[in-house]
PDB file of N, CA and C in Angstrom:
ATOM      1  N   GLN A   1       9.553 -11.439  12.456  1.00  0.00           N
ATOM      2  CA  GLN A   1       8.299 -11.220  11.757  1.00  0.00           C
ATOM      3  C   GLN A   1       7.878  -9.763  11.968  1.00  0.00           C
ATOM      4  N   VAL A   2       7.321  -9.175  10.945  1.00  0.00           N
ATOM      5  CA  VAL A   2       6.917  -7.781  11.020  1.00  0.00           C
ATOM      6  C   VAL A   2       5.399  -7.703  11.147  1.00  0.00           C
ATOM      7  N   GLN A   3       4.943  -6.854  12.050  1.00  0.00           N
ATOM      8  CA  GLN A   3       3.519  -6.575  12.196  1.00  0.00           C
ATOM      9  C   GLN A   3       3.239  -5.194  11.619  1.00  0.00           C
ATOM     10  N   VAL A   4       2.107  -5.085  10.913  1.00  0.00           N
ATOM     11  CA  VAL A   4       1.783  -3.815  10.268  1.00  0.00           C
ATOM     12  C   VAL A   4       0.361  -3.397  10.601  1.00  0.00           C
ATOM     13  N   VAL A   5       0.166  -2.091  10.712  1.00  0.00           N
ATOM     14  CA  VAL A   5      -1.147  -1.524  10.993  1.00  0.00           C
ATOM     15  C   VAL A   5      -1.384  -0.370  10.034  1.00  0.00           C
ATOM     16  N   GLU A   6      -2.497  -0.461   9.280  1.00  0.00           N
ATOM     17  CA  GLU A   6      -2.822   0.567   8.307  1.00  0.00           C
ATOM     18  C   GLU A   6      -3.770   1.603   8.893  1.00  0.00           C
ATOM     19  N   SER A   7      -3.731   2.787   8.317  1.00  0.00           N
ATOM     20  CA  SER A   7      -4.665   3.850   8.678  1.00  0.00           C
ATOM     21  C   SER A   7      -4.798   4.808   7.504  1.00  0.00           C
ATOM     22  N   GLY A   8      -5.806   5.680   7.601  1.00  0.00           N
ATOM     23  CA  GLY A   8      -5.951   6.743   6.605  1.00  0.00           C
ATOM     24  C   GLY A   8      -7.069   6.548   5.604  1.00  0.00           C
ATOM     25  N   GLY A   9      -7.737   5.401   5.656  1.00  0.00           N
ATOM     26  CA  GLY A   9      -8.832   5.195   4.726  1.00  0.00           C
ATOM     27  C   GLY A   9     -10.030   6.066   5.061  1.00  0.00           C
ATOM     28  N   GLY A  10     -11.018   6.031   4.168  1.00  0.00           N
ATOM     29  CA  GLY A  10     -12.213   6.812   4.405  1.00  0.00           C
ATOM     30  C   GLY A  10     -13.010   6.981   3.132  1.00  0.00           C
ATOM     31  N   LEU A  11     -13.953   7.911   3.198  1.00  0.00           N
ATOM     32  CA  LEU A  11     -14.809   8.211   2.061  1.00  0.00           C
ATOM     33  C   LEU A  11     -14.267   9.439   1.340  1.00  0.00           C
ATOM     34  N   VAL A  12     -14.138   9.321   0.037  1.00  0.00           N
ATOM     35  CA  VAL A  12     -13.626  10.433  -0.755  1.00  0.00           C
ATOM     36  C   VAL A  12     -14.416  10.506  -2.051  1.00  0.00           C
ATOM     37  N   GLN A  13     -14.590  11.694  -2.573  1.00  0.00           N
ATOM     38  CA  GLN A  13     -15.304  11.866  -3.829  1.00  0.00           C
ATOM     39  C   GLN A  13     -14.414  11.509  -5.011  1.00  0.00           C
ATOM     40  N   PRO A  14     -15.021  11.108  -6.119  1.00  0.00           N
ATOM     41  CA  PRO A  14     -14.224  10.853  -7.328  1.00  0.00           C
ATOM     42  C   PRO A  14     -13.352  12.054  -7.673  1.00  0.00           C
ATOM     43  N   GLY A  15     -12.109  11.763  -8.014  1.00  0.00           N
ATOM     44  CA  GLY A  15     -11.144  12.815  -8.291  1.00  0.00           C
ATOM     45  C   GLY A  15     -10.407  13.303  -7.068  1.00  0.00           C
ATOM     46  N   GLY A  16     -10.810  12.833  -5.908  1.00  0.00           N
ATOM     47  CA  GLY A  16     -10.182  13.268  -4.669  1.00  0.00           C
ATOM     48  C   GLY A  16      -8.915  12.506  -4.337  1.00  0.00           C
ATOM     49  N   SER A  17      -8.360  12.828  -3.190  1.00  0.00           N
ATOM     50  CA  SER A  17      -7.087  12.242  -2.754  1.00  0.00           C
ATOM     51  C   SER A  17      -7.191  11.712  -1.329  1.00  0.00           C
ATOM     52  N   LEU A  18      -6.373  10.729  -1.060  1.00  0.00           N
ATOM     53  CA  LEU A  18      -6.212  10.202   0.292  1.00  0.00           C
ATOM     54  C   LEU A  18      -4.756   9.803   0.480  1.00  0.00           C
ATOM     55  N   ARG A  19      -4.323   9.824   1.719  1.00  0.00           N
ATOM     56  CA  ARG A  19      -2.984   9.355   2.048  1.00  0.00           C
ATOM     57  C   ARG A  19      -3.096   8.268   3.098  1.00  0.00           C
ATOM     58  N   LEU A  20      -2.655   7.088   2.746  1.00  0.00           N
ATOM     59  CA  LEU A  20      -2.662   5.962   3.666  1.00  0.00           C
ATOM     60  C   LEU A  20      -1.304   5.849   4.348  1.00  0.00           C
ATOM     61  N   ALA A  21      -1.331   5.325   5.558  1.00  0.00           N
ATOM     62  CA  ALA A  21      -0.095   5.086   6.294  1.00  0.00           C
ATOM     63  C   ALA A  21      -0.087   3.669   6.847  1.00  0.00           C
ATOM     64  N   CYS A  22       1.080   3.102   6.920  1.00  0.00           N
ATOM     65  CA  CYS A  22       1.262   1.759   7.471  1.00  0.00           C
ATOM     66  C   CYS A  22       2.454   1.799   8.417  1.00  0.00           C
ATOM     67  N   VAL A  23       2.179   1.536   9.682  1.00  0.00           N
ATOM     68  CA  VAL A  23       3.236   1.523  10.679  1.00  0.00           C
ATOM     69  C   VAL A  23       3.628   0.079  10.960  1.00  0.00           C
ATOM     70  N   ALA A  24       4.914  -0.185  10.923  1.00  0.00           N
ATOM     71  CA  ALA A  24       5.424  -1.539  11.150  1.00  0.00           C
ATOM     72  C   ALA A  24       6.126  -1.630  12.497  1.00  0.00           C
ATOM     73  N   SER A  25       6.045  -2.791  13.098  1.00  0.00           N
ATOM     74  CA  SER A  25       6.720  -3.017  14.372  1.00  0.00           C
ATOM     75  C   SER A  25       7.237  -4.441  14.412  1.00  0.00           C
ATOM     76  N   GLY A  26       8.104  -4.693  15.360  1.00  0.00           N
ATOM     77  CA  GLY A  26       8.569  -6.042  15.573  1.00  0.00           C
ATOM     78  C   GLY A  26       9.825  -6.406  14.832  1.00  0.00           C
ATOM     79  N   THR A  27      10.409  -5.431  14.132  1.00  0.00           N
ATOM     80  CA  THR A  27      11.599  -5.757  13.363  1.00  0.00           C
ATOM     81  C   THR A  27      12.341  -4.474  13.018  1.00  0.00           C
ATOM     82  N   ILE A  28      13.439  -4.615  12.328  1.00  0.00           N
ATOM     83  CA  ILE A  28      14.175  -3.445  11.838  1.00  0.00           C
ATOM     84  C   ILE A  28      13.546  -3.067  10.499  1.00  0.00           C
ATOM     85  N   PHE A  29      12.748  -2.030  10.518  1.00  0.00           N
ATOM     86  CA  PHE A  29      11.919  -1.664   9.374  1.00  0.00           C
ATOM     87  C   PHE A  29      12.745  -1.446   8.117  1.00  0.00           C
ATOM     88  N   SER A  30      13.889  -0.835   8.249  1.00  0.00           N
ATOM     89  CA  SER A  30      14.659  -0.404   7.081  1.00  0.00           C
ATOM     90  C   SER A  30      15.159  -1.559   6.224  1.00  0.00           C
ATOM     91  N   VAL A  31      15.152  -2.779   6.759  1.00  0.00           N
ATOM     92  CA  VAL A  31      15.698  -3.899   5.992  1.00  0.00           C
ATOM     93  C   VAL A  31      14.617  -4.629   5.200  1.00  0.00           C
ATOM     94  N   TYR A  32      13.389  -4.145   5.251  1.00  0.00           N
ATOM     95  CA  TYR A  32      12.299  -4.853   4.593  1.00  0.00           C
ATOM     96  C   TYR A  32      11.694  -4.059   3.448  1.00  0.00           C
ATOM     97  N   HIS A  33      11.414  -4.783   2.372  1.00  0.00           N
ATOM     98  CA  HIS A  33      10.604  -4.229   1.311  1.00  0.00           C
ATOM     99  C   HIS A  33       9.161  -4.150   1.807  1.00  0.00           C
ATOM    100  N   MET A  34       8.475  -3.081   1.433  1.00  0.00           N
ATOM    101  CA  MET A  34       7.104  -2.865   1.906  1.00  0.00           C
ATOM    102  C   MET A  34       6.180  -2.605   0.724  1.00  0.00           C
ATOM    103  N   GLY A  35       4.902  -2.919   0.918  1.00  0.00           N
ATOM    104  CA  GLY A  35       4.002  -2.711  -0.208  1.00  0.00           C
ATOM    105  C   GLY A  35       2.558  -2.514   0.202  1.00  0.00           C
ATOM    106  N   TRP A  36       1.798  -2.061  -0.777  1.00  0.00           N
ATOM    107  CA  TRP A  36       0.362  -1.896  -0.625  1.00  0.00           C
ATOM    108  C   TRP A  36      -0.354  -2.753  -1.665  1.00  0.00           C
ATOM    109  N   TYR A  37      -1.412  -3.405  -1.206  1.00  0.00           N
ATOM    110  CA  TYR A  37      -2.293  -4.174  -2.070  1.00  0.00           C
ATOM    111  C   TYR A  37      -3.717  -3.697  -1.805  1.00  0.00           C
ATOM    112  N   ARG A  38      -4.624  -4.063  -2.691  1.00  0.00           N
ATOM    113  CA  ARG A  38      -6.030  -3.749  -2.460  1.00  0.00           C
ATOM    114  C   ARG A  38      -6.899  -4.896  -2.953  1.00  0.00           C
ATOM    115  N   GLN A  39      -8.073  -4.981  -2.338  1.00  0.00           N
ATOM    116  CA  GLN A  39      -9.021  -6.006  -2.729  1.00  0.00           C
ATOM    117  C   GLN A  39     -10.409  -5.402  -2.753  1.00  0.00           C
ATOM    118  N   ALA A  40     -10.997  -5.369  -3.930  1.00  0.00           N
ATOM    119  CA  ALA A  40     -12.357  -4.873  -4.092  1.00  0.00           C
ATOM    120  C   ALA A  40     -13.330  -6.035  -3.925  1.00  0.00           C
ATOM    121  N   PRO A  41     -14.580  -5.745  -3.601  1.00  0.00           N
ATOM    122  CA  PRO A  41     -15.565  -6.820  -3.429  1.00  0.00           C
ATOM    123  C   PRO A  41     -15.667  -7.700  -4.669  1.00  0.00           C
ATOM    124  N   GLY A  42     -15.560  -9.006  -4.464  1.00  0.00           N
ATOM    125  CA  GLY A  42     -15.694  -9.949  -5.563  1.00  0.00           C
ATOM    126  C   GLY A  42     -14.483 -10.062  -6.463  1.00  0.00           C
ATOM    127  N   LYS A  43     -13.393  -9.377  -6.095  1.00  0.00           N
ATOM    128  CA  LYS A  43     -12.188  -9.413  -6.926  1.00  0.00           C
ATOM    129  C   LYS A  43     -11.006  -9.950  -6.136  1.00  0.00           C
ATOM    130  N   GLU A  44      -9.987 -10.357  -6.861  1.00  0.00           N
ATOM    131  CA  GLU A  44      -8.780 -10.842  -6.206  1.00  0.00           C
ATOM    132  C   GLU A  44      -7.950  -9.656  -5.697  1.00  0.00           C
ATOM    133  N   ARG A  45      -7.130  -9.949  -4.699  1.00  0.00           N
ATOM    134  CA  ARG A  45      -6.225  -8.928  -4.191  1.00  0.00           C
ATOM    135  C   ARG A  45      -5.188  -8.609  -5.257  1.00  0.00           C
ATOM    136  N   GLU A  46      -4.892  -7.326  -5.436  1.00  0.00           N
ATOM    137  CA  GLU A  46      -3.927  -6.917  -6.451  1.00  0.00           C
ATOM    138  C   GLU A  46      -2.883  -5.985  -5.865  1.00  0.00           C
ATOM    139  N   MET A  47      -1.704  -6.048  -6.451  1.00  0.00           N
ATOM    140  CA  MET A  47      -0.612  -5.186  -6.020  1.00  0.00           C
ATOM    141  C   MET A  47      -0.865  -3.761  -6.478  1.00  0.00           C
ATOM    142  N   VAL A  48      -0.689  -2.817  -5.558  1.00  0.00           N
ATOM    143  CA  VAL A  48      -0.846  -1.410  -5.881  1.00  0.00           C
ATOM    144  C   VAL A  48       0.512  -0.742  -6.032  1.00  0.00           C
ATOM    145  N   ALA A  49       1.357  -0.909  -5.020  1.00  0.00           N
ATOM    146  CA  ALA A  49       2.668  -0.267  -5.053  1.00  0.00           C
ATOM    147  C   ALA A  49       3.604  -0.960  -4.072  1.00  0.00           C
ATOM    148  N   VAL A  50       4.874  -0.965  -4.432  1.00  0.00           N
ATOM    149  CA  VAL A  50       5.902  -1.568  -3.584  1.00  0.00           C
ATOM    150  C   VAL A  50       7.095  -0.633  -3.531  1.00  0.00           C
ATOM    151  N   ILE A  51       7.721  -0.567  -2.362  1.00  0.00           N
ATOM    152  CA  ILE A  51       8.954   0.198  -2.220  1.00  0.00           C
ATOM    153  C   ILE A  51      10.005  -0.691  -1.569  1.00  0.00           C
ATOM    154  N   THR A  52      11.173  -0.699  -2.162  1.00  0.00           N
ATOM    155  CA  THR A  52      12.230  -1.572  -1.651  1.00  0.00           C
ATOM    156  C   THR A  52      13.034  -0.871  -0.554  1.00  0.00           C
ATOM    157  N   THR A  53      13.971  -1.614   0.015  1.00  0.00           N
ATOM    158  CA  THR A  53      14.836  -1.035   1.031  1.00  0.00           C
ATOM    159  C   THR A  53      15.675   0.102   0.467  1.00  0.00           C
ATOM    160  N   GLY A  54      15.967   0.055  -0.817  1.00  0.00           N
ATOM    161  CA  GLY A  54      16.719   1.113  -1.469  1.00  0.00           C
ATOM    162  C   GLY A  54      15.857   2.194  -2.067  1.00  0.00           C
ATOM    163  N   SER A  55      14.550   2.140  -1.747  1.00  0.00           N
ATOM    164  CA  SER A  55      13.560   3.117  -2.210  1.00  0.00           C
ATOM    165  C   SER A  55      13.272   3.046  -3.704  1.00  0.00           C
ATOM    166  N   SER A  56      13.574   1.920  -4.327  1.00  0.00           N
ATOM    167  CA  SER A  56      13.050   1.696  -5.673  1.00  0.00           C
ATOM    168  C   SER A  56      11.563   1.419  -5.546  1.00  0.00           C
ATOM    169  N   THR A  57      10.813   1.828  -6.557  1.00  0.00           N
ATOM    170  CA  THR A  57       9.367   1.684  -6.473  1.00  0.00           C
ATOM    171  C   THR A  57       8.801   0.926  -7.666  1.00  0.00           C
ATOM    172  N   TYR A  58       7.699   0.242  -7.402  1.00  0.00           N
ATOM    173  CA  TYR A  58       6.967  -0.483  -8.425  1.00  0.00           C
ATOM    174  C   TYR A  58       5.489  -0.142  -8.246  1.00  0.00           C
ATOM    175  N   TYR A  59       4.781  -0.021  -9.363  1.00  0.00           N
ATOM    176  CA  TYR A  59       3.367   0.319  -9.308  1.00  0.00           C
ATOM    177  C   TYR A  59       2.554  -0.594 -10.208  1.00  0.00           C
ATOM    178  N   GLY A  60       1.316  -0.864  -9.767  1.00  0.00           N
ATOM    179  CA  GLY A  60       0.385  -1.526 -10.636  1.00  0.00           C
ATOM    180  C   GLY A  60       0.040  -0.604 -11.802  1.00  0.00           C
ATOM    181  N   SER A  61      -0.259  -1.187 -12.942  1.00  0.00           N
ATOM    182  CA  SER A  61      -0.470  -0.390 -14.147  1.00  0.00           C
ATOM    183  C   SER A  61      -1.640   0.580 -13.992  1.00  0.00           C
ATOM    184  N   ALA A  62      -2.628   0.211 -13.192  1.00  0.00           N
ATOM    185  CA  ALA A  62      -3.821   1.052 -13.053  1.00  0.00           C
ATOM    186  C   ALA A  62      -3.560   2.325 -12.255  1.00  0.00           C
ATOM    187  N   VAL A  63      -2.481   2.361 -11.494  1.00  0.00           N
ATOM    188  CA  VAL A  63      -2.272   3.503 -10.591  1.00  0.00           C
ATOM    189  C   VAL A  63      -1.068   4.352 -10.958  1.00  0.00           C
ATOM    190  N   LYS A  64      -0.296   3.920 -11.944  1.00  0.00           N
ATOM    191  CA  LYS A  64       0.900   4.669 -12.320  1.00  0.00           C
ATOM    192  C   LYS A  64       0.561   6.113 -12.674  1.00  0.00           C
ATOM    193  N   GLY A  65       1.350   7.002 -12.129  1.00  0.00           N
ATOM    194  CA  GLY A  65       1.150   8.417 -12.400  1.00  0.00           C
ATOM    195  C   GLY A  65       0.172   9.098 -11.456  1.00  0.00           C
ATOM    196  N   ARG A  66      -0.563   8.326 -10.674  1.00  0.00           N
ATOM    197  CA  ARG A  66      -1.533   8.905  -9.744  1.00  0.00           C
ATOM    198  C   ARG A  66      -1.217   8.586  -8.289  1.00  0.00           C
ATOM    199  N   PHE A  67      -0.612   7.450  -8.047  1.00  0.00           N
ATOM    200  CA  PHE A  67      -0.286   7.028  -6.685  1.00  0.00           C
ATOM    201  C   PHE A  67       1.217   7.132  -6.487  1.00  0.00           C
ATOM    202  N   THR A  68       1.598   7.440  -5.254  1.00  0.00           N
ATOM    203  CA  THR A  68       3.008   7.509  -4.893  1.00  0.00           C
ATOM    204  C   THR A  68       3.233   6.798  -3.574  1.00  0.00           C
ATOM    205  N   ILE A  69       4.170   5.855  -3.579  1.00  0.00           N
ATOM    206  CA  ILE A  69       4.539   5.172  -2.349  1.00  0.00           C
ATOM    207  C   ILE A  69       5.844   5.768  -1.837  1.00  0.00           C
ATOM    208  N   SER A  70       5.938   5.895  -0.525  1.00  0.00           N
ATOM    209  CA  SER A  70       7.160   6.423   0.082  1.00  0.00           C
ATOM    210  C   SER A  70       7.331   5.779   1.452  1.00  0.00           C
ATOM    211  N   ARG A  71       8.508   5.953   2.028  1.00  0.00           N
ATOM    212  CA  ARG A  71       8.755   5.365   3.337  1.00  0.00           C
ATOM    213  C   ARG A  71       9.567   6.326   4.189  1.00  0.00           C
ATOM    214  N   ASP A  72       9.343   6.249   5.484  1.00  0.00           N
ATOM    215  CA  ASP A  72      10.103   7.003   6.466  1.00  0.00           C
ATOM    216  C   ASP A  72      10.663   5.989   7.449  1.00  0.00           C
ATOM    217  N   ASN A  73      11.908   5.613   7.259  1.00  0.00           N
ATOM    218  CA  ASN A  73      12.492   4.566   8.091  1.00  0.00           C
ATOM    219  C   ASN A  73      12.607   4.992   9.555  1.00  0.00           C
ATOM    220  N   ALA A  74      12.772   6.276   9.795  1.00  0.00           N
ATOM    221  CA  ALA A  74      12.878   6.751  11.175  1.00  0.00           C
ATOM    222  C   ALA A  74      11.572   6.557  11.935  1.00  0.00           C
ATOM    223  N   LYS A  75      10.468   6.511  11.197  1.00  0.00           N
ATOM    224  CA  LYS A  75       9.151   6.347  11.829  1.00  0.00           C
ATOM    225  C   LYS A  75       8.538   4.980  11.561  1.00  0.00           C
ATOM    226  N   ASN A  76       9.312   4.079  10.945  1.00  0.00           N
ATOM    227  CA  ASN A  76       8.813   2.732  10.633  1.00  0.00           C
ATOM    228  C   ASN A  76       7.502   2.779   9.855  1.00  0.00           C
ATOM    229  N   THR A  77       7.397   3.701   8.942  1.00  0.00           N
ATOM    230  CA  THR A  77       6.132   3.945   8.268  1.00  0.00           C
ATOM    231  C   THR A  77       6.305   3.984   6.755  1.00  0.00           C
ATOM    232  N   VAL A  78       5.332   3.401   6.068  1.00  0.00           N
ATOM    233  CA  VAL A  78       5.251   3.512   4.618  1.00  0.00           C
ATOM    234  C   VAL A  78       3.931   4.200   4.286  1.00  0.00           C
ATOM    235  N   PHE A  79       3.973   5.080   3.306  1.00  0.00           N
ATOM    236  CA  PHE A  79       2.821   5.875   2.930  1.00  0.00           C
ATOM    237  C   PHE A  79       2.375   5.539   1.510  1.00  0.00           C
ATOM    238  N   LEU A  80       1.104   5.777   1.264  1.00  0.00           N
ATOM    239  CA  LEU A  80       0.580   5.674  -0.092  1.00  0.00           C
ATOM    240  C   LEU A  80      -0.266   6.919  -0.349  1.00  0.00           C
ATOM    241  N   GLN A  81       0.255   7.797  -1.176  1.00  0.00           N
ATOM    242  CA  GLN A  81      -0.490   8.979  -1.591  1.00  0.00           C
ATOM    243  C   GLN A  81      -1.289   8.626  -2.832  1.00  0.00           C
ATOM    244  N   MET A  82      -2.605   8.782  -2.754  1.00  0.00           N
ATOM    245  CA  MET A  82      -3.493   8.401  -3.849  1.00  0.00           C
ATOM    246  C   MET A  82      -4.216   9.644  -4.356  1.00  0.00           C
ATOM    247  N   ASN A  83      -4.039   9.921  -5.607  1.00  0.00           N
ATOM    248  CA  ASN A  83      -4.661  11.095  -6.231  1.00  0.00           C
ATOM    249  C   ASN A  83      -5.597  10.678  -7.355  1.00  0.00           C
ATOM    250  N   ASP A  84      -6.551  11.547  -7.650  1.00  0.00           N
ATOM    251  CA  ASP A  84      -7.476  11.335  -8.760  1.00  0.00           C
ATOM    252  C   ASP A  84      -8.153   9.970  -8.659  1.00  0.00           C
ATOM    253  N   LEU A  85      -8.693   9.695  -7.511  1.00  0.00           N
ATOM    254  CA  LEU A  85      -9.323   8.401  -7.261  1.00  0.00           C
ATOM    255  C   LEU A  85     -10.613   8.239  -8.054  1.00  0.00           C
ATOM    256  N   THR A  86     -10.901   7.006  -8.426  1.00  0.00           N
ATOM    257  CA  THR A  86     -12.114   6.675  -9.157  1.00  0.00           C
ATOM    258  C   THR A  86     -12.950   5.685  -8.351  1.00  0.00           C
ATOM    259  N   PRO A  87     -14.256   5.615  -8.632  1.00  0.00           N
ATOM    260  CA  PRO A  87     -15.100   4.681  -7.878  1.00  0.00           C
ATOM    261  C   PRO A  87     -14.630   3.224  -7.971  1.00  0.00           C
ATOM    262  N   ASP A  88     -14.014   2.851  -9.093  1.00  0.00           N
ATOM    263  CA  ASP A  88     -13.512   1.480  -9.244  1.00  0.00           C
ATOM    264  C   ASP A  88     -12.409   1.149  -8.244  1.00  0.00           C
ATOM    265  N   GLU A  89     -11.865   2.158  -7.614  1.00  0.00           N
ATOM    266  CA  GLU A  89     -10.778   1.938  -6.652  1.00  0.00           C
ATOM    267  C   GLU A  89     -11.281   1.786  -5.226  1.00  0.00           C
ATOM    268  N   THR A  90     -12.578   1.709  -5.086  1.00  0.00           N
ATOM    269  CA  THR A  90     -13.151   1.375  -3.789  1.00  0.00           C
ATOM    270  C   THR A  90     -12.724  -0.040  -3.420  1.00  0.00           C
ATOM    271  N   ALA A  91     -12.070  -0.161  -2.281  1.00  0.00           N
ATOM    272  CA  ALA A  91     -11.498  -1.457  -1.890  1.00  0.00           C
ATOM    273  C   ALA A  91     -10.973  -1.362  -0.473  1.00  0.00           C
ATOM    274  N   VAL A  92     -10.618  -2.510   0.056  1.00  0.00           N
ATOM    275  CA  VAL A  92      -9.832  -2.537   1.287  1.00  0.00           C
ATOM    276  C   VAL A  92      -8.366  -2.544   0.877  1.00  0.00           C
ATOM    277  N   TYR A  93      -7.626  -1.619   1.439  1.00  0.00           N
ATOM    278  CA  TYR A  93      -6.209  -1.478   1.119  1.00  0.00           C
ATOM    279  C   TYR A  93      -5.389  -2.105   2.250  1.00  0.00           C
ATOM    280  N   TYR A  94      -4.497  -2.985   1.853  1.00  0.00           N
ATOM    281  CA  TYR A  94      -3.689  -3.741   2.811  1.00  0.00           C
ATOM    282  C   TYR A  94      -2.211  -3.392   2.668  1.00  0.00           C
ATOM    283  N   CYS A  95      -1.554  -3.332   3.789  1.00  0.00           N
ATOM    284  CA  CYS A  95      -0.102  -3.185   3.814  1.00  0.00           C
ATOM    285  C   CYS A  95       0.522  -4.581   3.951  1.00  0.00           C
ATOM    286  N   ASN A  96       1.653  -4.736   3.305  1.00  0.00           N
ATOM    287  CA  ASN A  96       2.379  -6.007   3.407  1.00  0.00           C
ATOM    288  C   ASN A  96       3.835  -5.718   3.723  1.00  0.00           C
ATOM    289  N   GLY A  97       4.350  -6.427   4.695  1.00  0.00           N
ATOM    290  CA  GLY A  97       5.722  -6.201   5.103  1.00  0.00           C
ATOM    291  C   GLY A  97       6.619  -7.367   4.746  1.00  0.00           C
ATOM    292  N   ASN A  98       7.828  -7.047   4.319  1.00  0.00           N
ATOM    293  CA  ASN A  98       8.825  -8.060   3.973  1.00  0.00           C
ATOM    294  C   ASN A  98       8.452  -8.840   2.730  1.00  0.00           C
ATOM    295  N   LEU A  99       8.058  -8.095   1.683  1.00  0.00           N
ATOM    296  CA  LEU A  99       7.831  -8.732   0.403  1.00  0.00           C
ATOM    297  C   LEU A  99       9.157  -9.244  -0.156  1.00  0.00           C
ATOM    298  N   ARG A 100       9.040 -10.155  -1.084  1.00  0.00           N
ATOM    299  CA  ARG A 100      10.208 -10.619  -1.807  1.00  0.00           C
ATOM    300  C   ARG A 100      10.212  -9.959  -3.183  1.00  0.00           C
ATOM    301  N   VAL A 101      11.317  -9.310  -3.522  1.00  0.00           N
ATOM    302  CA  VAL A 101      11.461  -8.639  -4.816  1.00  0.00           C
ATOM    303  C   VAL A 101      12.727  -9.168  -5.466  1.00  0.00           C
ATOM    304  N   VAL A 102      12.562  -9.916  -6.550  1.00  0.00           N
ATOM    305  CA  VAL A 102      13.699 -10.502  -7.244  1.00  0.00           C
ATOM    306  C   VAL A 102      13.552 -10.210  -8.734  1.00  0.00           C
ATOM    307  N   ASN A 103      14.488  -9.423  -9.249  1.00  0.00           N
ATOM    308  CA  ASN A 103      14.478  -9.072 -10.681  1.00  0.00           C
ATOM    309  C   ASN A 103      13.118  -8.536 -11.122  1.00  0.00           C
ATOM    310  N   GLY A 104      12.517  -7.737 -10.267  1.00  0.00           N
ATOM    311  CA  GLY A 104      11.236  -7.126 -10.588  1.00  0.00           C
ATOM    312  C   GLY A 104      10.034  -8.000 -10.312  1.00  0.00           C
ATOM    313  N   ASN A 105      10.265  -9.246  -9.963  1.00  0.00           N
ATOM    314  CA  ASN A 105       9.156 -10.130  -9.589  1.00  0.00           C
ATOM    315  C   ASN A 105       8.856  -9.965  -8.108  1.00  0.00           C
ATOM    316  N   ILE A 106       7.588  -9.684  -7.808  1.00  0.00           N
ATOM    317  CA  ILE A 106       7.205  -9.343  -6.445  1.00  0.00           C
ATOM    318  C   ILE A 106       6.316 -10.434  -5.867  1.00  0.00           C
ATOM    319  N   THR A 107       6.671 -10.896  -4.684  1.00  0.00           N
ATOM    320  CA  THR A 107       5.874 -11.893  -3.981  1.00  0.00           C
ATOM    321  C   THR A 107       5.569 -11.376  -2.586  1.00  0.00           C
ATOM    322  N   PRO A 108       4.299 -11.222  -2.236  1.00  0.00           N
ATOM    323  CA  PRO A 108       3.994 -10.748  -0.883  1.00  0.00           C
ATOM    324  C   PRO A 108       4.309 -11.804   0.156  1.00  0.00           C
ATOM    325  N   SER A 109       4.528 -11.324   1.366  1.00  0.00           N
ATOM    326  CA  SER A 109       4.739 -12.232   2.492  1.00  0.00           C
ATOM    327  C   SER A 109       3.404 -12.552   3.141  1.00  0.00           C
ATOM    328  N   ASP A 110       3.463 -13.256   4.256  1.00  0.00           N
ATOM    329  CA  ASP A 110       2.256 -13.535   5.028  1.00  0.00           C
ATOM    330  C   ASP A 110       1.969 -12.445   6.049  1.00  0.00           C
ATOM    331  N   ASN A 111       2.769 -11.376   6.015  1.00  0.00           N
ATOM    332  CA  ASN A 111       2.638 -10.304   7.014  1.00  0.00           C
ATOM    333  C   ASN A 111       1.676  -9.220   6.514  1.00  0.00           C
ATOM    334  N   TRP A 112       0.399  -9.478   6.705  1.00  0.00           N
ATOM    335  CA  TRP A 112      -0.638  -8.551   6.291  1.00  0.00           C
ATOM    336  C   TRP A 112      -1.207  -7.806   7.492  1.00  0.00           C
ATOM    337  N   GLY A 113      -1.644  -6.571   7.238  1.00  0.00           N
ATOM    338  CA  GLY A 113      -2.409  -5.854   8.234  1.00  0.00           C
ATOM    339  C   GLY A 113      -3.881  -6.189   8.109  1.00  0.00           C
ATOM    340  N   GLN A 114      -4.688  -5.497   8.927  1.00  0.00           N
ATOM    341  CA  GLN A 114      -6.131  -5.711   8.899  1.00  0.00           C
ATOM    342  C   GLN A 114      -6.796  -4.996   7.728  1.00  0.00           C
ATOM    343  N   GLY A 115      -6.083  -4.050   7.159  1.00  0.00           N
ATOM    344  CA  GLY A 115      -6.630  -3.319   6.022  1.00  0.00           C
ATOM    345  C   GLY A 115      -7.343  -2.052   6.445  1.00  0.00           C
ATOM    346  N   THR A 116      -7.448  -1.148   5.514  1.00  0.00           N
ATOM    347  CA  THR A 116      -8.198   0.093   5.737  1.00  0.00           C
ATOM    348  C   THR A 116      -9.116   0.323   4.525  1.00  0.00           C
ATOM    349  N   GLN A 117     -10.361   0.624   4.816  1.00  0.00           N
ATOM    350  CA  GLN A 117     -11.364   0.755   3.759  1.00  0.00           C
ATOM    351  C   GLN A 117     -11.246   2.112   3.072  1.00  0.00           C
ATOM    352  N   VAL A 118     -11.199   2.067   1.754  1.00  0.00           N
ATOM    353  CA  VAL A 118     -11.248   3.286   0.945  1.00  0.00           C
ATOM    354  C   VAL A 118     -12.504   3.205   0.087  1.00  0.00           C
ATOM    355  N   THR A 119     -13.352   4.197   0.205  1.00  0.00           N
ATOM    356  CA  THR A 119     -14.584   4.254  -0.576  1.00  0.00           C
ATOM    357  C   THR A 119     -14.589   5.526  -1.398  1.00  0.00           C
ATOM    358  N   VAL A 120     -14.711   5.351  -2.703  1.00  0.00           N
ATOM    359  CA  VAL A 120     -14.725   6.489  -3.610  1.00  0.00           C
ATOM    360  C   VAL A 120     -16.139   6.620  -4.170  1.00  0.00           C
ATOM    361  N   SER A 121     -16.822   7.640  -3.752  1.00  0.00           N
ATOM    362  CA  SER A 121     -18.218   7.784  -4.133  1.00  0.00           C
ATOM    363  C   SER A 121     -18.644   9.233  -3.985  1.00  0.00           C
ATOM    364  N   SER A 122     -19.571   9.633  -4.822  1.00  0.00           N
ATOM    365  CA  SER A 122     -20.133  10.982  -4.709  1.00  0.00           C
ATOM    366  C   SER A 122     -21.409  10.951  -3.868  1.00  0.00           C
TER     367      SER A 122
END
């Protein structure tokens, strides 16, 4: 089982950028697909970005072209670079470890972190 801890959230102005990090432990990081999800108040959790063991990437339609997911297997870390943020993207951002990715269909695992709050406001 993989344990994950997120960091990097905070307050940012509209149009600003943040970089989130998720450190995984308890397993061989390189063999797991990793991803980021977010949940805004009153809304369901949604997929933001996923990176596979082969570094293929998937993005939610709302973030394509603005967010970039990457991984550093030597540091057991997955990153989410978020640019041009909007107030609607205020949410708790969660890391998920060991997602299932089959023919482009993505299913998160039960391995969630505590989340990191991102607030986009002027």
